[in-house]
């Protein structure tokens, strides 16, 4: 047995011998693939605990988390788009193929944008009735968020229209 190891356990001594962290690091550098496999296996065997550790780390290091996310998104834009489409389809009870067919039939155009004459293709979100959960159509994120800010209430939207009309008339009188 080497002198820097504890004879009873075979592990490196905590006090005395070489620093165990440095030794661990050297081992990981020499055995990258084995280390990756061991980490992956540990993560799978301890998934709940691993999730908790990741969550704590993200909370303690928000800037590093943001950098990592941005780096990943820049390196994998097609994966981000694909995941978003899967999420949208699953959330509204559709398959990815059904969602893609709906987007293609609209030629990637928002239902509200088409009504106001904007024919620019955009990435679409599924719009739904919050009360019933029923799908209503597909909107661009701008219009989908706009409806959300008005609580999907026709009364609030009509009040906003009246406000805009009144405001426009005041501006016309002032000029």
C-alpha atoms as a PDB file:
ATOM      1  CA  UNK A   1       0.000   0.000   0.000  1.00  0.00           C
ATOM      2  CA  UNK A   2       1.218   3.493  -0.834  1.00  0.00           C
ATOM      3  CA  UNK A   3       2.195   5.677   2.149  1.00  0.00           C
ATOM      4  CA  UNK A   4      -0.322   8.413   1.264  1.00  0.00           C
ATOM      5  CA  UNK A   5      -3.254   5.984   1.664  1.00  0.00           C
ATOM      6  CA  UNK A   6      -5.042   4.967   4.812  1.00  0.00           C
ATOM      7  CA  UNK A   7      -4.319   1.233   5.312  1.00  0.00           C
ATOM      8  CA  UNK A   8      -7.770   0.536   6.804  1.00  0.00           C
ATOM      9  CA  UNK A   9      -9.805   2.017   3.942  1.00  0.00           C
ATOM     10  CA  UNK A  10      -7.374   2.205   1.045  1.00  0.00           C
ATOM     11  CA  UNK A  11      -8.421   5.812   0.466  1.00  0.00           C
ATOM     12  CA  UNK A  12      -6.135   8.826   0.408  1.00  0.00           C
ATOM     13  CA  UNK A  13      -5.385  10.307   3.803  1.00  0.00           C
ATOM     14  CA  UNK A  14      -7.185  13.514   4.578  1.00  0.00           C
ATOM     15  CA  UNK A  15      -4.291  14.934   6.551  1.00  0.00           C
ATOM     16  CA  UNK A  16      -0.929  13.992   5.183  1.00  0.00           C
ATOM     17  CA  UNK A  17       0.003  12.537   1.840  1.00  0.00           C
ATOM     18  CA  UNK A  18      -1.153  14.339  -1.268  1.00  0.00           C
ATOM     19  CA  UNK A  19      -4.285  16.428  -1.343  1.00  0.00           C
ATOM     20  CA  UNK A  20      -7.172  14.152  -2.274  1.00  0.00           C
ATOM     21  CA  UNK A  21      -8.939  16.845  -4.340  1.00  0.00           C
ATOM     22  CA  UNK A  22      -5.867  17.401  -6.478  1.00  0.00           C
ATOM     23  CA  UNK A  23      -5.479  13.662  -6.863  1.00  0.00           C
ATOM     24  CA  UNK A  24      -9.132  13.302  -7.866  1.00  0.00           C
ATOM     25  CA  UNK A  25      -8.727  16.030 -10.433  1.00  0.00           C
ATOM     26  CA  UNK A  26      -5.651  14.359 -11.917  1.00  0.00           C
ATOM     27  CA  UNK A  27      -7.491  11.046 -12.112  1.00  0.00           C
ATOM     28  CA  UNK A  28     -10.478  12.672 -13.885  1.00  0.00           C
ATOM     29  CA  UNK A  29      -8.128  14.315 -16.382  1.00  0.00           C
ATOM     30  CA  UNK A  30      -6.454  10.979 -17.182  1.00  0.00           C
ATOM     31  CA  UNK A  31      -9.718   9.013 -17.321  1.00  0.00           C
ATOM     32  CA  UNK A  32     -12.196  11.456 -18.873  1.00  0.00           C
ATOM     33  CA  UNK A  33     -14.537   8.896 -20.435  1.00  0.00           C
ATOM     34  CA  UNK A  34     -14.670   6.714 -17.333  1.00  0.00           C
ATOM     35  CA  UNK A  35     -15.302   9.802 -15.181  1.00  0.00           C
ATOM     36  CA  UNK A  36     -18.141  10.917 -17.494  1.00  0.00           C
ATOM     37  CA  UNK A  37     -19.707   7.461 -17.326  1.00  0.00           C
ATOM     38  CA  UNK A  38     -19.442   7.362 -13.534  1.00  0.00           C
ATOM     39  CA  UNK A  39     -20.981  10.831 -13.191  1.00  0.00           C
ATOM     40  CA  UNK A  40     -23.792   9.877 -15.568  1.00  0.00           C
ATOM     41  CA  UNK A  41     -24.436   6.651 -13.672  1.00  0.00           C
ATOM     42  CA  UNK A  42     -24.436   8.464 -10.324  1.00  0.00           C
ATOM     43  CA  UNK A  43     -26.835  11.082 -11.696  1.00  0.00           C
ATOM     44  CA  UNK A  44     -29.221   8.371 -12.877  1.00  0.00           C
ATOM     45  CA  UNK A  45     -29.026   6.450  -9.596  1.00  0.00           C
ATOM     46  CA  UNK A  46     -29.550   9.624  -7.544  1.00  0.00           C
ATOM     47  CA  UNK A  47     -31.842  11.565  -9.882  1.00  0.00           C
ATOM     48  CA  UNK A  48     -33.934  13.314  -7.225  1.00  0.00           C
ATOM     49  CA  UNK A  49     -30.893  14.354  -5.221  1.00  0.00           C
ATOM     50  CA  UNK A  50     -29.096  15.407  -8.415  1.00  0.00           C
ATOM     51  CA  UNK A  51     -32.064  17.587  -9.413  1.00  0.00           C
ATOM     52  CA  UNK A  52     -31.987  19.190  -5.974  1.00  0.00           C
ATOM     53  CA  UNK A  53     -28.247  19.886  -6.261  1.00  0.00           C
ATOM     54  CA  UNK A  54     -28.666  21.412  -9.728  1.00  0.00           C
ATOM     55  CA  UNK A  55     -31.539  23.582  -8.488  1.00  0.00           C
ATOM     56  CA  UNK A  56     -29.461  24.833  -5.541  1.00  0.00           C
ATOM     57  CA  UNK A  57     -26.510  25.550  -7.830  1.00  0.00           C
ATOM     58  CA  UNK A  58     -28.670  27.486 -10.312  1.00  0.00           C
ATOM     59  CA  UNK A  59     -30.126  29.562  -7.475  1.00  0.00           C
ATOM     60  CA  UNK A  60     -26.666  30.283  -6.049  1.00  0.00           C
ATOM     61  CA  UNK A  61     -25.120  31.106  -9.468  1.00  0.00           C
ATOM     62  CA  UNK A  62     -27.768  32.908 -11.594  1.00  0.00           C
ATOM     63  CA  UNK A  63     -25.238  34.691 -13.817  1.00  0.00           C
ATOM     64  CA  UNK A  64     -23.330  31.486 -14.595  1.00  0.00           C
ATOM     65  CA  UNK A  65     -26.641  29.717 -15.294  1.00  0.00           C
ATOM     66  CA  UNK A  66     -27.661  32.485 -17.687  1.00  0.00           C
ATOM     67  CA  UNK A  67     -24.318  32.288 -19.527  1.00  0.00           C
ATOM     68  CA  UNK A  68     -24.621  28.511 -19.820  1.00  0.00           C
ATOM     69  CA  UNK A  69     -28.174  28.751 -21.191  1.00  0.00           C
ATOM     70  CA  UNK A  70     -27.220  31.427 -23.711  1.00  0.00           C
ATOM     71  CA  UNK A  71     -24.181  29.445 -24.827  1.00  0.00           C
ATOM     72  CA  UNK A  72     -26.302  26.309 -25.286  1.00  0.00           C
ATOM     73  CA  UNK A  73     -29.026  28.193 -27.175  1.00  0.00           C
ATOM     74  CA  UNK A  74     -26.454  29.768 -29.506  1.00  0.00           C
ATOM     75  CA  UNK A  75     -24.839  26.388 -30.187  1.00  0.00           C
ATOM     76  CA  UNK A  76     -28.127  24.485 -30.678  1.00  0.00           C
ATOM     77  CA  UNK A  77     -30.769  26.808 -32.216  1.00  0.00           C
ATOM     78  CA  UNK A  78     -32.462  23.972 -34.120  1.00  0.00           C
ATOM     79  CA  UNK A  79     -32.791  21.919 -30.910  1.00  0.00           C
ATOM     80  CA  UNK A  80     -34.326  24.892 -29.082  1.00  0.00           C
ATOM     81  CA  UNK A  81     -36.865  25.378 -31.884  1.00  0.00           C
ATOM     82  CA  UNK A  82     -37.638  21.651 -31.992  1.00  0.00           C
ATOM     83  CA  UNK A  83     -38.115  21.486 -28.200  1.00  0.00           C
ATOM     84  CA  UNK A  84     -40.364  24.555 -28.278  1.00  0.00           C
ATOM     85  CA  UNK A  85     -42.533  22.974 -30.983  1.00  0.00           C
ATOM     86  CA  UNK A  86     -42.780  19.725 -28.986  1.00  0.00           C
ATOM     87  CA  UNK A  87     -43.736  21.687 -25.885  1.00  0.00           C
ATOM     88  CA  UNK A  88     -46.418  23.659 -27.734  1.00  0.00           C
ATOM     89  CA  UNK A  89     -47.891  20.522 -29.308  1.00  0.00           C
ATOM     90  CA  UNK A  90     -47.912  18.511 -26.067  1.00  0.00           C
ATOM     91  CA  UNK A  91     -49.322  21.390 -24.028  1.00  0.00           C
ATOM     92  CA  UNK A  92     -52.366  21.709 -26.280  1.00  0.00           C
ATOM     93  CA  UNK A  93     -53.031  18.016 -26.875  1.00  0.00           C
ATOM     94  CA  UNK A  94     -51.574  17.756 -30.362  1.00  0.00           C
ATOM     95  CA  UNK A  95     -48.806  15.796 -31.968  1.00  0.00           C
ATOM     96  CA  UNK A  96     -45.865  17.640 -33.487  1.00  0.00           C
ATOM     97  CA  UNK A  97     -47.135  16.582 -36.924  1.00  0.00           C
ATOM     98  CA  UNK A  98     -50.614  18.028 -36.245  1.00  0.00           C
ATOM     99  CA  UNK A  99     -49.063  21.273 -35.059  1.00  0.00           C
ATOM    100  CA  UNK A 100     -46.801  21.477 -38.114  1.00  0.00           C
ATOM    101  CA  UNK A 101     -49.810  20.862 -40.391  1.00  0.00           C
ATOM    102  CA  UNK A 102     -51.720  23.689 -38.675  1.00  0.00           C
ATOM    103  CA  UNK A 103     -48.758  26.059 -39.087  1.00  0.00           C
ATOM    104  CA  UNK A 104     -48.288  25.038 -42.734  1.00  0.00           C
ATOM    105  CA  UNK A 105     -52.001  25.538 -43.521  1.00  0.00           C
ATOM    106  CA  UNK A 106     -51.681  29.103 -42.193  1.00  0.00           C
ATOM    107  CA  UNK A 107     -48.391  29.600 -44.058  1.00  0.00           C
ATOM    108  CA  UNK A 108     -46.771  30.544 -40.700  1.00  0.00           C
ATOM    109  CA  UNK A 109     -48.991  33.613 -40.428  1.00  0.00           C
ATOM    110  CA  UNK A 110     -50.674  34.856 -37.261  1.00  0.00           C
ATOM    111  CA  UNK A 111     -54.509  34.886 -37.354  1.00  0.00           C
ATOM    112  CA  UNK A 112     -54.610  38.513 -36.108  1.00  0.00           C
ATOM    113  CA  UNK A 113     -51.733  39.731 -38.315  1.00  0.00           C
ATOM    114  CA  UNK A 114     -53.598  38.432 -41.383  1.00  0.00           C
ATOM    115  CA  UNK A 115     -56.698  40.422 -40.342  1.00  0.00           C
ATOM    116  CA  UNK A 116     -54.682  43.655 -40.243  1.00  0.00           C
ATOM    117  CA  UNK A 117     -52.881  42.913 -43.506  1.00  0.00           C
ATOM    118  CA  UNK A 118     -49.453  41.818 -42.226  1.00  0.00           C
ATOM    119  CA  UNK A 119     -48.526  38.732 -44.245  1.00  0.00           C
ATOM    120  CA  UNK A 120     -45.060  38.219 -42.717  1.00  0.00           C
ATOM    121  CA  UNK A 121     -44.389  34.573 -41.722  1.00  0.00           C
ATOM    122  CA  UNK A 122     -43.606  34.249 -37.995  1.00  0.00           C
ATOM    123  CA  UNK A 123     -43.168  31.602 -35.313  1.00  0.00           C
ATOM    124  CA  UNK A 124     -46.656  30.789 -34.044  1.00  0.00           C
ATOM    125  CA  UNK A 125     -48.080  30.063 -30.591  1.00  0.00           C
ATOM    126  CA  UNK A 126     -51.251  28.079 -29.970  1.00  0.00           C
ATOM    127  CA  UNK A 127     -53.987  30.334 -28.587  1.00  0.00           C
ATOM    128  CA  UNK A 128     -56.603  28.749 -26.328  1.00  0.00           C
ATOM    129  CA  UNK A 129     -59.611  29.696 -24.263  1.00  0.00           C
ATOM    130  CA  UNK A 130     -58.507  29.710 -20.623  1.00  0.00           C
ATOM    131  CA  UNK A 131     -61.982  28.796 -19.356  1.00  0.00           C
ATOM    132  CA  UNK A 132     -62.575  25.759 -21.596  1.00  0.00           C
ATOM    133  CA  UNK A 133     -59.029  24.911 -22.659  1.00  0.00           C
ATOM    134  CA  UNK A 134     -60.248  24.720 -26.260  1.00  0.00           C
ATOM    135  CA  UNK A 135     -57.817  25.774 -29.013  1.00  0.00           C
ATOM    136  CA  UNK A 136     -58.882  28.954 -30.792  1.00  0.00           C
ATOM    137  CA  UNK A 137     -56.168  29.521 -33.353  1.00  0.00           C
ATOM    138  CA  UNK A 138     -52.504  30.348 -33.814  1.00  0.00           C
ATOM    139  CA  UNK A 139     -50.996  33.731 -33.006  1.00  0.00           C
ATOM    140  CA  UNK A 140     -47.601  35.379 -33.075  1.00  0.00           C
ATOM    141  CA  UNK A 141     -46.089  35.873 -29.640  1.00  0.00           C
ATOM    142  CA  UNK A 142     -46.823  39.627 -29.747  1.00  0.00           C
ATOM    143  CA  UNK A 143     -50.564  39.156 -30.210  1.00  0.00           C
ATOM    144  CA  UNK A 144     -50.743  36.130 -27.909  1.00  0.00           C
ATOM    145  CA  UNK A 145     -49.063  38.123 -25.117  1.00  0.00           C
ATOM    146  CA  UNK A 146     -51.297  41.113 -25.880  1.00  0.00           C
ATOM    147  CA  UNK A 147     -54.428  39.025 -25.347  1.00  0.00           C
ATOM    148  CA  UNK A 148     -52.923  37.660 -22.155  1.00  0.00           C
ATOM    149  CA  UNK A 149     -52.261  41.161 -20.830  1.00  0.00           C
ATOM    150  CA  UNK A 150     -55.959  41.902 -21.341  1.00  0.00           C
ATOM    151  CA  UNK A 151     -56.877  38.691 -19.460  1.00  0.00           C
ATOM    152  CA  UNK A 152     -58.406  37.271 -22.674  1.00  0.00           C
ATOM    153  CA  UNK A 153     -61.378  39.530 -21.936  1.00  0.00           C
ATOM    154  CA  UNK A 154     -63.291  41.055 -24.866  1.00  0.00           C
ATOM    155  CA  UNK A 155     -64.582  43.763 -22.477  1.00  0.00           C
ATOM    156  CA  UNK A 156     -61.050  44.819 -21.542  1.00  0.00           C
ATOM    157  CA  UNK A 157     -60.007  44.832 -25.202  1.00  0.00           C
ATOM    158  CA  UNK A 158     -63.033  46.947 -26.170  1.00  0.00           C
ATOM    159  CA  UNK A 159     -62.250  49.364 -23.322  1.00  0.00           C
ATOM    160  CA  UNK A 160     -58.684  49.636 -24.648  1.00  0.00           C
ATOM    161  CA  UNK A 161     -60.037  50.347 -28.158  1.00  0.00           C
ATOM    162  CA  UNK A 162     -62.292  53.088 -26.780  1.00  0.00           C
ATOM    163  CA  UNK A 163     -59.338  54.546 -24.869  1.00  0.00           C
ATOM    164  CA  UNK A 164     -57.201  54.545 -28.027  1.00  0.00           C
ATOM    165  CA  UNK A 165     -59.967  56.214 -30.044  1.00  0.00           C
ATOM    166  CA  UNK A 166     -60.454  58.899 -27.383  1.00  0.00           C
ATOM    167  CA  UNK A 167     -56.691  59.449 -27.126  1.00  0.00           C
ATOM    168  CA  UNK A 168     -56.391  59.732 -30.924  1.00  0.00           C
ATOM    169  CA  UNK A 169     -59.180  62.335 -31.028  1.00  0.00           C
ATOM    170  CA  UNK A 170     -57.496  64.413 -28.334  1.00  0.00           C
ATOM    171  CA  UNK A 171     -54.262  64.361 -30.310  1.00  0.00           C
ATOM    172  CA  UNK A 172     -56.084  65.441 -33.471  1.00  0.00           C
ATOM    173  CA  UNK A 173     -57.717  68.392 -31.664  1.00  0.00           C
ATOM    174  CA  UNK A 174     -54.375  69.457 -30.146  1.00  0.00           C
ATOM    175  CA  UNK A 175     -52.606  69.632 -33.533  1.00  0.00           C
END
